Protein backbone atom coordinates (compact mmCIF):
# COMPACT_ATOMS: atom_id res chain seq x y z
CA UNK A 1 -35.54 -11.70 0.63
CA UNK A 2 -32.61 -12.35 2.98
CA UNK A 3 -29.71 -10.04 3.61
CA UNK A 4 -26.40 -11.05 2.12
CA UNK A 5 -23.29 -10.87 4.24
CA UNK A 6 -20.42 -9.26 2.40
CA UNK A 7 -16.95 -10.20 3.65
CA UNK A 8 -15.48 -6.76 2.83
CA UNK A 9 -18.36 -4.71 4.23
CA UNK A 10 -17.03 -1.38 5.40
CA UNK A 11 -13.88 -1.64 3.31
CA UNK A 12 -13.25 0.25 0.09
CA UNK A 13 -13.96 -1.66 -3.09
CA UNK A 14 -10.46 -2.35 -4.37
CA UNK A 15 -11.55 -5.00 -6.83
CA UNK A 16 -9.81 -8.31 -6.86
CA UNK A 17 -6.52 -7.11 -8.28
CA UNK A 18 -3.48 -9.08 -7.31
CA UNK A 19 -1.27 -6.76 -9.33
CA UNK A 20 1.63 -5.87 -7.00
CA UNK A 21 1.89 -2.33 -8.36
CA UNK A 22 -1.82 -1.72 -7.77
CA UNK A 23 -1.52 -3.09 -4.25
CA UNK A 24 1.44 -0.82 -3.52
CA UNK A 25 -0.33 2.22 -4.96
CA UNK A 26 -3.45 1.54 -2.91
CA UNK A 27 -1.36 1.27 0.25
CA UNK A 28 0.54 4.44 -0.66
CA UNK A 29 -2.72 6.26 -1.27
CA UNK A 30 -3.96 5.13 2.14
CA UNK A 31 -0.79 6.35 3.83
CA UNK A 32 -0.80 9.71 2.07
CA UNK A 33 -4.40 10.21 3.21
CA UNK A 34 -3.14 10.65 6.77
CA UNK A 35 -1.14 13.83 7.23
CA UNK A 36 1.07 12.56 10.08
CA UNK A 37 1.92 9.32 8.29
CA UNK A 38 2.59 11.18 5.04
CA UNK A 39 4.89 13.67 6.75
CA UNK A 40 6.77 10.83 8.47
CA UNK A 41 7.21 9.01 5.14
CA UNK A 42 8.60 12.11 3.46
CA UNK A 43 10.79 12.98 6.43
CA UNK A 44 12.29 9.51 6.88
CA UNK A 45 12.81 8.77 3.20
CA UNK A 46 13.90 12.23 2.08
CA UNK A 47 11.43 11.96 -0.80
CA UNK A 48 9.25 14.78 -2.01
CA UNK A 49 5.71 14.61 -3.30
CA UNK A 50 7.14 15.01 -6.82
CA UNK A 51 9.46 12.04 -6.18
CA UNK A 52 6.44 9.95 -5.21
CA UNK A 53 4.54 11.00 -8.32
CA UNK A 54 7.47 10.17 -10.59
CA UNK A 55 8.12 6.89 -8.80
CA UNK A 56 4.53 5.69 -9.00
CA UNK A 57 5.32 3.66 -12.11
CA UNK A 58 8.72 2.44 -10.92
CA UNK A 59 8.62 -1.09 -9.44
CA UNK A 60 11.74 -0.41 -7.35
CA UNK A 61 10.19 2.67 -5.72
CA UNK A 62 6.91 0.84 -5.09
CA UNK A 63 8.81 -2.06 -3.53
CA UNK A 64 10.70 0.32 -1.26
CA UNK A 65 7.45 1.91 -0.19
CA UNK A 66 6.09 -1.47 0.94
CA UNK A 67 9.43 -2.16 2.65
CA UNK A 68 8.91 1.14 4.47
CA UNK A 69 5.53 -0.12 5.72
CA UNK A 70 7.16 -3.38 6.80
CA UNK A 71 9.41 -1.31 9.06
CA UNK A 72 6.37 -0.18 11.05
CA UNK A 73 4.15 -3.22 11.50
CA UNK A 74 1.16 -1.23 12.76
CA UNK A 75 1.09 0.75 9.50
CA UNK A 76 1.53 -2.41 7.42
CA UNK A 77 -1.45 -4.02 9.15
CA UNK A 78 -3.56 -0.86 8.91
CA UNK A 79 -2.73 -0.39 5.22
CA UNK A 80 -3.63 -4.00 4.50
CA UNK A 81 -6.97 -3.66 6.29
CA UNK A 82 -7.75 -0.37 4.58
CA UNK A 83 -7.04 -1.79 1.14
CA UNK A 84 -8.87 -5.07 1.68
CA UNK A 85 -5.81 -7.31 1.64
CA UNK A 86 -3.45 -8.89 4.14
CA UNK A 87 0.00 -7.88 5.37
CA UNK A 88 1.40 -11.07 3.84
CA UNK A 89 -0.11 -10.15 0.46
CA UNK A 90 1.57 -6.72 0.65
CA UNK A 91 4.92 -8.30 1.48
CA UNK A 92 4.49 -10.74 -1.40
CA UNK A 93 3.68 -7.78 -3.67
CA UNK A 94 6.99 -6.19 -2.62
CA UNK A 95 8.85 -9.37 -3.47
CA UNK A 96 7.19 -9.48 -6.90
CA UNK A 97 8.01 -5.81 -7.52
CA UNK A 98 11.65 -6.40 -6.58
CA UNK A 99 11.82 -9.20 -9.14
CA UNK A 100 10.72 -6.72 -11.82
CA UNK A 101 13.77 -4.53 -11.26
């Protein structure tokens, strides 16, 4: 039996969801998993953890979170890699979320 090469080997299994809200939440979860990044997000946005929890179902808040990542390209790229997507897909998710508001 031969070994199968998996294109996402080493990445978390995020399924094949193209749902913009899911993409934003996965990226947010990645960011909040790093203490320094999480503290910077809260400091720069003025949001609290409770604000993030309440905004998790709000397309406008999710869009703004992706826009925040866009402001720091290294984080946008890292979030995309960590969630098994591309930076362009995250930006497109933001655009779709903005259209929902």
